[in-house]
Amino acid sequence: LLLVWSTFAVGFAFRPIGAILFGFLGDKLGRKYTFLVTVTLMGIATA
């Protein structure tokens, strides 16, 4: 169970990096297209 929660935490550990990357794109390219990319990446990874 601790290993499951460790892997769960790995996703959270990379959230700040995603915030920097997509925050940069959101402020440069726009709000709409940035969160189109994020939802696509999430759906593919989950499947």
All heavy atoms as atom14 arrays in JSON, in Angstrom:
{
  "sequence": "LLLVWSTFAVGFAFRPIGAILFGFLGDKLGRKYTFLVTVTLMGIATA",
  "atom14_mask": [
    [1, 1, 1, 1, 1, 1, 1, 1, 0, 0, 0, 0, 0, 0],
    [1, 1, 1, 1, 1, 1, 1, 1, 0, 0, 0, 0, 0, 0],
    [1, 1, 1, 1, 1, 1, 1, 1, 0, 0, 0, 0, 0, 0],
    [1, 1, 1, 1, 1, 1, 1, 0, 0, 0, 0, 0, 0, 0],
    [1, 1, 1, 1, 1, 1, 1, 1, 1, 1, 1, 1, 1, 1],
    [1, 1, 1, 1, 1, 1, 0, 0, 0, 0, 0, 0, 0, 0],
    [1, 1, 1, 1, 1, 1, 1, 0, 0, 0, 0, 0, 0, 0],
    [1, 1, 1, 1, 1, 1, 1, 1, 1, 1, 1, 0, 0, 0],
    [1, 1, 1, 1, 1, 0, 0, 0, 0, 0, 0, 0, 0, 0],
    [1, 1, 1, 1, 1, 1, 1, 0, 0, 0, 0, 0, 0, 0],
    [1, 1, 1, 1, 0, 0, 0, 0, 0, 0, 0, 0, 0, 0],
    [1, 1, 1, 1, 1, 1, 1, 1, 1, 1, 1, 0, 0, 0],
    [1, 1, 1, 1, 1, 0, 0, 0, 0, 0, 0, 0, 0, 0],
    [1, 1, 1, 1, 1, 1, 1, 1, 1, 1, 1, 0, 0, 0],
    [1, 1, 1, 1, 1, 1, 1, 1, 1, 1, 1, 0, 0, 0],
    [1, 1, 1, 1, 1, 1, 1, 0, 0, 0, 0, 0, 0, 0],
    [1, 1, 1, 1, 1, 1, 1, 1, 0, 0, 0, 0, 0, 0],
    [1, 1, 1, 1, 0, 0, 0, 0, 0, 0, 0, 0, 0, 0],
    [1, 1, 1, 1, 1, 0, 0, 0, 0, 0, 0, 0, 0, 0],
    [1, 1, 1, 1, 1, 1, 1, 1, 0, 0, 0, 0, 0, 0],
    [1, 1, 1, 1, 1, 1, 1, 1, 0, 0, 0, 0, 0, 0],
    [1, 1, 1, 1, 1, 1, 1, 1, 1, 1, 1, 0, 0, 0],
    [1, 1, 1, 1, 0, 0, 0, 0, 0, 0, 0, 0, 0, 0],
    [1, 1, 1, 1, 1, 1, 1, 1, 1, 1, 1, 0, 0, 0],
    [1, 1, 1, 1, 1, 1, 1, 1, 0, 0, 0, 0, 0, 0],
    [1, 1, 1, 1, 0, 0, 0, 0, 0, 0, 0, 0, 0, 0],
    [1, 1, 1, 1, 1, 1, 1, 1, 0, 0, 0, 0, 0, 0],
    [1, 1, 1, 1, 1, 1, 1, 1, 1, 0, 0, 0, 0, 0],
    [1, 1, 1, 1, 1, 1, 1, 1, 0, 0, 0, 0, 0, 0],
    [1, 1, 1, 1, 0, 0, 0, 0, 0, 0, 0, 0, 0, 0],
    [1, 1, 1, 1, 1, 1, 1, 1, 1, 1, 1, 0, 0, 0],
    [1, 1, 1, 1, 1, 1, 1, 1, 1, 0, 0, 0, 0, 0],
    [1, 1, 1, 1, 1, 1, 1, 1, 1, 1, 1, 1, 0, 0],
    [1, 1, 1, 1, 1, 1, 1, 0, 0, 0, 0, 0, 0, 0],
    [1, 1, 1, 1, 1, 1, 1, 1, 1, 1, 1, 0, 0, 0],
    [1, 1, 1, 1, 1, 1, 1, 1, 0, 0, 0, 0, 0, 0],
    [1, 1, 1, 1, 1, 1, 1, 0, 0, 0, 0, 0, 0, 0],
    [1, 1, 1, 1, 1, 1, 1, 0, 0, 0, 0, 0, 0, 0],
    [1, 1, 1, 1, 1, 1, 1, 0, 0, 0, 0, 0, 0, 0],
    [1, 1, 1, 1, 1, 1, 1, 0, 0, 0, 0, 0, 0, 0],
    [1, 1, 1, 1, 1, 1, 1, 1, 0, 0, 0, 0, 0, 0],
    [1, 1, 1, 1, 1, 1, 1, 1, 0, 0, 0, 0, 0, 0],
    [1, 1, 1, 1, 0, 0, 0, 0, 0, 0, 0, 0, 0, 0],
    [1, 1, 1, 1, 1, 1, 1, 1, 0, 0, 0, 0, 0, 0],
    [1, 1, 1, 1, 1, 0, 0, 0, 0, 0, 0, 0, 0, 0],
    [1, 1, 1, 1, 1, 1, 1, 0, 0, 0, 0, 0, 0, 0],
    [1, 1, 1, 1, 1, 0, 0, 0, 0, 0, 0, 0, 0, 0]
  ],
  "atom14_positions": [
    [[0.82, -1.21, 0.0], [0.0, 0.0, 0.0], [0.86, 1.26, 0.0], [0.55, 2.25, -0.68], [-0.93, 0.0, 1.22], [-2.03, 1.06, 1.22], [-2.93, 0.93, 0.0], [-2.86, 0.96, 2.49], [0.0, 0.0, 0.0], [0.0, 0.0, 0.0], [0.0, 0.0, 0.0], [0.0, 0.0, 0.0], [0.0, 0.0, 0.0], [0.0, 0.0, 0.0]],
    [[1.96, 1.24, 0.74], [2.87, 2.39, 0.75], [3.47, 2.62, -0.64], [3.67, 3.77, -1.04], [3.98, 2.19, 1.78], [3.56, 2.3, 3.26], [4.76, 2.01, 4.16], [3.01, 3.69, 3.57], [0.0, 0.0, 0.0], [0.0, 0.0, 0.0], [0.0, 0.0, 0.0], [0.0, 0.0, 0.0], [0.0, 0.0, 0.0], [0.0, 0.0, 0.0]],
    [[3.75, 1.55, -1.36], [4.29, 1.7, -2.72], [3.24, 2.31, -3.65], [3.57, 3.12, -4.52], [4.76, 0.35, -3.25], [6.04, -0.21, -2.62], [6.33, -1.6, -3.16], [7.21, 0.72, -2.86], [0.0, 0.0, 0.0], [0.0, 0.0, 0.0], [0.0, 0.0, 0.0], [0.0, 0.0, 0.0], [0.0, 0.0, 0.0], [0.0, 0.0, 0.0]],
    [[1.98, 1.92, -3.48], [0.91, 2.53, -4.28], [0.85, 4.02, -3.99], [0.77, 4.85, -4.9], [-0.45, 1.86, -3.98], [-1.59, 2.66, -4.61], [-0.47, 0.46, -4.52], [0.0, 0.0, 0.0], [0.0, 0.0, 0.0], [0.0, 0.0, 0.0], [0.0, 0.0, 0.0], [0.0, 0.0, 0.0], [0.0, 0.0, 0.0], [0.0, 0.0, 0.0]],
    [[0.88, 4.38, -2.71], [0.82, 5.81, -2.35], [2.09, 6.54, -2.78], [2.03, 7.74, -3.08], [0.59, 5.98, -0.86], [-0.76, 5.54, -0.37], [-1.03, 4.74, 0.7], [-2.05, 5.89, -0.92], [-2.38, 4.54, 0.84], [-3.03, 5.25, -0.14], [-2.45, 6.66, -2.0], [-4.39, 5.37, -0.41], [-3.81, 6.78, -2.27], [-4.76, 6.15, -1.48]],
    [[3.22, 5.83, -2.82], [4.45, 6.46, -3.32], [4.3, 6.83, -4.79], [4.68, 7.92, -5.21], [5.64, 5.51, -3.15], [5.88, 5.2, -1.8], [0.0, 0.0, 0.0], [0.0, 0.0, 0.0], [0.0, 0.0, 0.0], [0.0, 0.0, 0.0], [0.0, 0.0, 0.0], [0.0, 0.0, 0.0], [0.0, 0.0, 0.0], [0.0, 0.0, 0.0]],
    [[3.76, 5.89, -5.57], [3.55, 6.16, -6.98], [2.49, 7.23, -7.18], [2.58, 8.05, -8.1], [3.15, 4.87, -7.72], [4.05, 3.82, -7.35], [3.19, 5.06, -9.22], [0.0, 0.0, 0.0], [0.0, 0.0, 0.0], [0.0, 0.0, 0.0], [0.0, 0.0, 0.0], [0.0, 0.0, 0.0], [0.0, 0.0, 0.0], [0.0, 0.0, 0.0]],
    [[1.47, 7.21, -6.33], [0.46, 8.27, -6.34], [1.13, 9.63, -6.12], [0.83, 10.61, -6.8], [-0.56, 8.0, -5.24], [-1.74, 8.92, -5.23], [-2.73, 8.81, -6.19], [-1.9, 9.87, -4.23], [-3.84, 9.64, -6.18], [-3.0, 10.71, -4.21], [-3.98, 10.6, -5.19], [0.0, 0.0, 0.0], [0.0, 0.0, 0.0], [0.0, 0.0, 0.0]],
    [[2.08, 9.66, -5.18], [2.77, 10.91, -4.87], [3.67, 11.36, -6.01], [3.91, 12.57, -6.18], [3.6, 10.74, -3.59], [0.0, 0.0, 0.0], [0.0, 0.0, 0.0], [0.0, 0.0, 0.0], [0.0, 0.0, 0.0], [0.0, 0.0, 0.0], [0.0, 0.0, 0.0], [0.0, 0.0, 0.0], [0.0, 0.0, 0.0], [0.0, 0.0, 0.0]],
    [[4.19, 10.42, -6.81], [5.05, 10.79, -7.94], [4.31, 11.74, -8.88], [4.85, 12.73, -9.37], [5.52, 9.53, -8.7], [6.12, 9.91, -10.05], [6.55, 8.78, -7.86], [0.0, 0.0, 0.0], [0.0, 0.0, 0.0], [0.0, 0.0, 0.0], [0.0, 0.0, 0.0], [0.0, 0.0, 0.0], [0.0, 0.0, 0.0], [0.0, 0.0, 0.0]],
    [[3.03, 11.43, -9.15], [2.24, 12.31, -10.01], [2.16, 13.71, -9.43], [2.27, 14.71, -10.16], [0.0, 0.0, 0.0], [0.0, 0.0, 0.0], [0.0, 0.0, 0.0], [0.0, 0.0, 0.0], [0.0, 0.0, 0.0], [0.0, 0.0, 0.0], [0.0, 0.0, 0.0], [0.0, 0.0, 0.0], [0.0, 0.0, 0.0], [0.0, 0.0, 0.0]],
    [[1.98, 13.79, -8.13], [1.9, 15.1, -7.49], [3.23, 15.81, -7.53], [3.29, 17.04, -7.65], [1.44, 14.93, -6.04], [-0.03, 14.7, -5.92], [-0.56, 13.43, -5.97], [-0.9, 15.77, -5.75], [-1.92, 13.21, -5.86], [-2.27, 15.56, -5.64], [-2.78, 14.29, -5.68], [0.0, 0.0, 0.0], [0.0, 0.0, 0.0], [0.0, 0.0, 0.0]],
    [[4.31, 15.06, -7.43], [5.64, 15.68, -7.42], [5.92, 16.41, -8.73], [6.67, 17.39, -8.74], [6.7, 14.61, -7.16], [0.0, 0.0, 0.0], [0.0, 0.0, 0.0], [0.0, 0.0, 0.0], [0.0, 0.0, 0.0], [0.0, 0.0, 0.0], [0.0, 0.0, 0.0], [0.0, 0.0, 0.0], [0.0, 0.0, 0.0], [0.0, 0.0, 0.0]],
    [[5.33, 15.94, -9.82], [5.57, 16.57, -11.11], [4.54, 17.66, -11.44], [4.64, 18.3, -12.49], [5.6, 15.51, -12.21], [6.93, 14.82, -12.33], [7.26, 13.78, -11.48], [7.86, 15.24, -13.26], [8.5, 13.16, -11.56], [9.1, 14.63, -13.36], [9.43, 13.58, -12.51], [0.0, 0.0, 0.0], [0.0, 0.0, 0.0], [0.0, 0.0, 0.0]],
    [[3.56, 17.85, -10.57], [2.59, 18.91, -10.81], [3.23, 20.3, -10.89], [2.86, 21.1, -11.76], [1.49, 18.88, -9.75], [0.46, 17.8, -10.0], [-0.54, 17.68, -8.89], [-1.34, 18.9, -8.71], [-2.33, 19.0, -7.84], [-2.66, 17.97, -7.09], [-3.01, 20.11, -7.72], [0.0, 0.0, 0.0], [0.0, 0.0, 0.0], [0.0, 0.0, 0.0]],
    [[4.18, 20.64, -9.99], [4.8, 21.96, -10.11], [5.52, 22.18, -11.44], [5.52, 23.28, -11.98], [5.78, 22.01, -8.93], [5.22, 21.05, -7.94], [4.62, 19.96, -8.76], [0.0, 0.0, 0.0], [0.0, 0.0, 0.0], [0.0, 0.0, 0.0], [0.0, 0.0, 0.0], [0.0, 0.0, 0.0], [0.0, 0.0, 0.0], [0.0, 0.0, 0.0]],
    [[6.14, 21.1, -11.97], [6.8, 21.23, -13.27], [5.76, 21.48, -14.36], [5.95, 22.31, -15.26], [7.62, 19.96, -13.58], [8.69, 19.77, -12.5], [8.27, 20.05, -14.96], [9.47, 18.48, -12.63], [0.0, 0.0, 0.0], [0.0, 0.0, 0.0], [0.0, 0.0, 0.0], [0.0, 0.0, 0.0], [0.0, 0.0, 0.0], [0.0, 0.0, 0.0]],
    [[4.64, 20.76, -14.28], [3.55, 21.01, -15.21], [3.01, 22.41, -15.09], [2.65, 23.06, -16.09], [0.0, 0.0, 0.0], [0.0, 0.0, 0.0], [0.0, 0.0, 0.0], [0.0, 0.0, 0.0], [0.0, 0.0, 0.0], [0.0, 0.0, 0.0], [0.0, 0.0, 0.0], [0.0, 0.0, 0.0], [0.0, 0.0, 0.0], [0.0, 0.0, 0.0]],
    [[2.96, 22.92, -13.84], [2.48, 24.29, -13.62], [3.4, 25.3, -14.29], [2.94, 26.28, -14.89], [2.4, 24.56, -12.12], [0.0, 0.0, 0.0], [0.0, 0.0, 0.0], [0.0, 0.0, 0.0], [0.0, 0.0, 0.0], [0.0, 0.0, 0.0], [0.0, 0.0, 0.0], [0.0, 0.0, 0.0], [0.0, 0.0, 0.0], [0.0, 0.0, 0.0]],
    [[4.72, 25.08, -14.2], [5.68, 25.99, -14.83], [5.55, 25.92, -16.35], [5.48, 26.95, -17.03], [7.11, 25.65, -14.38], [7.27, 25.92, -12.88], [8.13, 26.45, -15.19], [8.58, 25.39, -12.31], [0.0, 0.0, 0.0], [0.0, 0.0, 0.0], [0.0, 0.0, 0.0], [0.0, 0.0, 0.0], [0.0, 0.0, 0.0], [0.0, 0.0, 0.0]],
    [[5.52, 24.71, -16.88], [5.46, 24.52, -18.32], [4.17, 25.08, -18.91], [4.19, 25.92, -19.83], [5.58, 23.03, -18.66], [5.34, 22.64, -20.13], [6.36, 23.3, -21.04], [5.36, 21.12, -20.28], [0.0, 0.0, 0.0], [0.0, 0.0, 0.0], [0.0, 0.0, 0.0], [0.0, 0.0, 0.0], [0.0, 0.0, 0.0], [0.0, 0.0, 0.0]],
    [[3.03, 24.61, -18.39], [1.76, 25.02, -18.97], [1.35, 26.42, -18.52], [0.58, 27.09, -19.22], [0.68, 24.0, -18.64], [0.9, 22.68, -19.32], [1.24, 21.55, -18.6], [0.79, 22.57, -20.69], [1.45, 20.33, -19.21], [1.0, 21.36, -21.34], [1.34, 20.23, -20.6], [0.0, 0.0, 0.0], [0.0, 0.0, 0.0], [0.0, 0.0, 0.0]],
    [[1.86, 26.85, -17.36], [1.64, 28.25, -16.97], [2.31, 29.18, -17.96], [1.75, 30.22, -18.35], [0.0, 0.0, 0.0], [0.0, 0.0, 0.0], [0.0, 0.0, 0.0], [0.0, 0.0, 0.0], [0.0, 0.0, 0.0], [0.0, 0.0, 0.0], [0.0, 0.0, 0.0], [0.0, 0.0, 0.0], [0.0, 0.0, 0.0], [0.0, 0.0, 0.0]],
    [[3.53, 28.84, -18.36], [4.26, 29.62, -19.38], [3.45, 29.68, -20.68], [3.24, 30.75, -21.26], [5.63, 28.98, -19.62], [6.51, 29.73, -20.58], [7.43, 30.66, -20.12], [6.42, 29.51, -21.95], [8.25, 31.35, -21.0], [7.22, 30.19, -22.84], [8.15, 31.12, -22.37], [0.0, 0.0, 0.0], [0.0, 0.0, 0.0], [0.0, 0.0, 0.0]],
    [[2.97, 28.51, -21.13], [2.2, 28.46, -22.37], [0.87, 29.2, -22.24], [0.43, 29.87, -23.17], [1.94, 27.01, -22.77], [3.19, 26.17, -23.1], [2.79, 24.73, -23.39], [3.93, 26.76, -24.29], [0.0, 0.0, 0.0], [0.0, 0.0, 0.0], [0.0, 0.0, 0.0], [0.0, 0.0, 0.0], [0.0, 0.0, 0.0], [0.0, 0.0, 0.0]],
    [[0.24, 29.08, -21.07], [-1.04, 29.75, -20.87], [-0.93, 31.26, -20.88], [-1.83, 31.96, -21.37], [0.0, 0.0, 0.0], [0.0, 0.0, 0.0], [0.0, 0.0, 0.0], [0.0, 0.0, 0.0], [0.0, 0.0, 0.0], [0.0, 0.0, 0.0], [0.0, 0.0, 0.0], [0.0, 0.0, 0.0], [0.0, 0.0, 0.0], [0.0, 0.0, 0.0]],
    [[0.18, 31.78, -20.35], [0.39, 33.23, -20.36], [0.91, 33.73, -21.7], [0.8, 34.91, -22.02], [1.36, 33.63, -19.24], [0.71, 33.61, -17.86], [-0.49, 33.92, -17.78], [1.4, 33.26, -16.88], [0.0, 0.0, 0.0], [0.0, 0.0, 0.0], [0.0, 0.0, 0.0], [0.0, 0.0, 0.0], [0.0, 0.0, 0.0], [0.0, 0.0, 0.0]],
    [[1.5, 32.83, -22.49], [2.06, 33.23, -23.79], [1.09, 32.96, -24.95], [0.94, 33.8, -25.84], [3.36, 32.47, -24.05], [4.52, 32.87, -23.13], [5.1, 34.22, -23.52], [5.9, 34.13, -24.8], [6.55, 35.42, -25.12], [0.0, 0.0, 0.0], [0.0, 0.0, 0.0], [0.0, 0.0, 0.0], [0.0, 0.0, 0.0], [0.0, 0.0, 0.0]],
    [[0.45, 31.78, -24.93], [-0.35, 31.35, -26.08], [-1.85, 31.43, -25.84], [-2.63, 31.39, -26.8], [0.02, 29.91, -26.47], [1.51, 29.66, -26.78], [1.73, 28.2, -27.11], [1.98, 30.55, -27.91], [0.0, 0.0, 0.0], [0.0, 0.0, 0.0], [0.0, 0.0, 0.0], [0.0, 0.0, 0.0], [0.0, 0.0, 0.0], [0.0, 0.0, 0.0]],
    [[-2.26, 31.47, -24.59], [-3.68, 31.56, -24.3], [-4.15, 30.49, -23.34], [-3.53, 29.44, -23.2], [0.0, 0.0, 0.0], [0.0, 0.0, 0.0], [0.0, 0.0, 0.0], [0.0, 0.0, 0.0], [0.0, 0.0, 0.0], [0.0, 0.0, 0.0], [0.0, 0.0, 0.0], [0.0, 0.0, 0.0], [0.0, 0.0, 0.0], [0.0, 0.0, 0.0]],
    [[-5.29, 30.79, -22.68], [-5.83, 29.87, -21.67], [-6.47, 28.65, -22.33], [-6.3, 27.52, -21.88], [-6.88, 30.56, -20.81], [-6.69, 31.99, -20.35], [-5.33, 32.41, -19.89], [-5.39, 33.7, -19.18], [-4.34, 34.37, -18.8], [-3.12, 33.91, -19.08], [-4.45, 35.5, -18.13], [0.0, 0.0, 0.0], [0.0, 0.0, 0.0], [0.0, 0.0, 0.0]],
    [[-7.24, 28.88, -23.4], [-8.05, 27.82, -23.98], [-7.2, 26.67, -24.52], [-7.41, 25.5, -24.15], [-8.92, 28.39, -25.11], [-9.65, 27.33, -25.92], [-10.39, 27.9, -27.11], [-10.96, 26.81, -27.98], [-11.69, 27.34, -29.17], [0.0, 0.0, 0.0], [0.0, 0.0, 0.0], [0.0, 0.0, 0.0], [0.0, 0.0, 0.0], [0.0, 0.0, 0.0]],
    [[-6.25, 26.97, -25.38], [-5.51, 25.9, -26.05], [-4.57, 25.18, -25.1], [-4.27, 24.0, -25.29], [-4.75, 26.47, -27.26], [-5.7, 26.93, -28.34], [-5.94, 28.27, -28.56], [-6.39, 26.0, -29.11], [-6.84, 28.69, -29.53], [-7.29, 26.4, -30.09], [-7.52, 27.75, -30.3], [-8.42, 28.15, -31.25], [0.0, 0.0, 0.0], [0.0, 0.0, 0.0]],
    [[-4.16, 25.87, -24.05], [-3.29, 25.21, -23.08], [-4.03, 24.12, -22.34], [-3.53, 23.0, -22.18], [-2.72, 26.23, -22.09], [-1.96, 27.21, -22.81], [-1.81, 25.55, -21.07], [0.0, 0.0, 0.0], [0.0, 0.0, 0.0], [0.0, 0.0, 0.0], [0.0, 0.0, 0.0], [0.0, 0.0, 0.0], [0.0, 0.0, 0.0], [0.0, 0.0, 0.0]],
    [[-5.26, 24.41, -21.88], [-5.92, 23.34, -21.15], [-6.6, 22.32, -22.08], [-7.09, 21.29, -21.63], [-6.83, 23.83, -20.02], [-8.06, 24.6, -20.36], [-8.8, 24.38, -21.49], [-8.53, 25.56, -19.46], [-9.97, 25.07, -21.74], [-9.69, 26.26, -19.71], [-10.42, 26.01, -20.86], [0.0, 0.0, 0.0], [0.0, 0.0, 0.0], [0.0, 0.0, 0.0]],
    [[-6.6, 22.55, -23.39], [-6.92, 21.47, -24.33], [-5.78, 20.44, -24.36], [-6.01, 19.23, -24.42], [-7.14, 22.04, -25.73], [-8.48, 22.73, -26.01], [-8.46, 23.39, -27.39], [-9.63, 21.75, -25.91], [0.0, 0.0, 0.0], [0.0, 0.0, 0.0], [0.0, 0.0, 0.0], [0.0, 0.0, 0.0], [0.0, 0.0, 0.0], [0.0, 0.0, 0.0]],
    [[-4.55, 20.95, -24.32], [-3.39, 20.05, -24.31], [-3.35, 19.25, -23.01], [-3.1, 18.03, -23.03], [-2.09, 20.86, -24.47], [-0.87, 19.95, -24.3], [-2.05, 21.55, -25.82], [0.0, 0.0, 0.0], [0.0, 0.0, 0.0], [0.0, 0.0, 0.0], [0.0, 0.0, 0.0], [0.0, 0.0, 0.0], [0.0, 0.0, 0.0], [0.0, 0.0, 0.0]],
    [[-3.62, 19.9, -21.88], [-3.51, 19.19, -20.59], [-4.52, 18.06, -20.48], [-4.2, 16.97, -20.0], [-3.68, 20.17, -19.41], [-4.99, 20.76, -19.43], [-2.63, 21.27, -19.46], [0.0, 0.0, 0.0], [0.0, 0.0, 0.0], [0.0, 0.0, 0.0], [0.0, 0.0, 0.0], [0.0, 0.0, 0.0], [0.0, 0.0, 0.0], [0.0, 0.0, 0.0]],
    [[-5.75, 18.31, -20.91], [-6.77, 17.26, -20.78], [-6.47, 16.1, -21.73], [-6.74, 14.93, -21.4], [-8.18, 17.85, -21.01], [-8.45, 18.09, -22.49], [-9.24, 16.92, -20.43], [0.0, 0.0, 0.0], [0.0, 0.0, 0.0], [0.0, 0.0, 0.0], [0.0, 0.0, 0.0], [0.0, 0.0, 0.0], [0.0, 0.0, 0.0], [0.0, 0.0, 0.0]],
    [[-5.9, 16.38, -22.89], [-5.52, 15.31, -23.82], [-4.42, 14.44, -23.24], [-4.48, 13.2, -23.28], [-5.06, 15.91, -25.16], [-6.11, 16.71, -25.71], [-4.7, 14.81, -26.15], [0.0, 0.0, 0.0], [0.0, 0.0, 0.0], [0.0, 0.0, 0.0], [0.0, 0.0, 0.0], [0.0, 0.0, 0.0], [0.0, 0.0, 0.0], [0.0, 0.0, 0.0]],
    [[-3.4, 15.08, -22.68], [-2.29, 14.34, -22.08], [-2.78, 13.47, -20.93], [-2.39, 12.31, -20.8], [-1.22, 15.32, -21.6], [0.04, 14.72, -20.97], [0.76, 13.82, -21.96], [0.96, 15.85, -20.49], [0.0, 0.0, 0.0], [0.0, 0.0, 0.0], [0.0, 0.0, 0.0], [0.0, 0.0, 0.0], [0.0, 0.0, 0.0], [0.0, 0.0, 0.0]],
    [[-3.66, 14.01, -20.1], [-4.17, 13.26, -18.96], [-4.97, 12.04, -19.42], [-4.79, 10.93, -18.91], [-5.06, 14.16, -18.09], [-5.73, 13.45, -16.93], [-4.56, 12.85, -15.69], [-4.33, 14.36, -14.75], [0.0, 0.0, 0.0], [0.0, 0.0, 0.0], [0.0, 0.0, 0.0], [0.0, 0.0, 0.0], [0.0, 0.0, 0.0], [0.0, 0.0, 0.0]],
    [[-5.85, 12.22, -20.41], [-6.68, 11.12, -20.86], [-5.87, 9.97, -21.45], [-6.14, 8.8, -21.17], [0.0, 0.0, 0.0], [0.0, 0.0, 0.0], [0.0, 0.0, 0.0], [0.0, 0.0, 0.0], [0.0, 0.0, 0.0], [0.0, 0.0, 0.0], [0.0, 0.0, 0.0], [0.0, 0.0, 0.0], [0.0, 0.0, 0.0], [0.0, 0.0, 0.0]],
    [[-4.87, 10.3, -22.24], [-4.03, 9.26, -22.86], [-3.22, 8.51, -21.8], [-3.12, 7.27, -21.82], [-3.11, 9.89, -23.92], [-3.94, 10.41, -25.11], [-2.08, 8.88, -24.41], [-3.14, 11.2, -26.11], [0.0, 0.0, 0.0], [0.0, 0.0, 0.0], [0.0, 0.0, 0.0], [0.0, 0.0, 0.0], [0.0, 0.0, 0.0], [0.0, 0.0, 0.0]],
    [[-2.65, 9.25, -20.85], [-1.84, 8.62, -19.81], [-2.69, 7.71, -18.93], [-2.25, 6.61, -18.54], [-1.16, 9.69, -18.95], [0.0, 0.0, 0.0], [0.0, 0.0, 0.0], [0.0, 0.0, 0.0], [0.0, 0.0, 0.0], [0.0, 0.0, 0.0], [0.0, 0.0, 0.0], [0.0, 0.0, 0.0], [0.0, 0.0, 0.0], [0.0, 0.0, 0.0]],
    [[-3.91, 8.13, -18.61], [-4.77, 7.3, -17.76], [-5.17, 6.02, -18.46], [-5.14, 4.93, -17.87], [-6.03, 8.1, -17.36], [-5.63, 9.29, -16.71], [-6.91, 7.29, -16.42], [0.0, 0.0, 0.0], [0.0, 0.0, 0.0], [0.0, 0.0, 0.0], [0.0, 0.0, 0.0], [0.0, 0.0, 0.0], [0.0, 0.0, 0.0], [0.0, 0.0, 0.0]],
    [[-5.55, 6.12, -19.72], [-5.9, 4.91, -20.47], [-4.71, 3.95, -20.52], [-4.89, 2.73, -20.49], [-6.35, 5.28, -21.88], [0.0, 0.0, 0.0], [0.0, 0.0, 0.0], [0.0, 0.0, 0.0], [0.0, 0.0, 0.0], [0.0, 0.0, 0.0], [0.0, 0.0, 0.0], [0.0, 0.0, 0.0], [0.0, 0.0, 0.0], [0.0, 0.0, 0.0]]
  ]
}
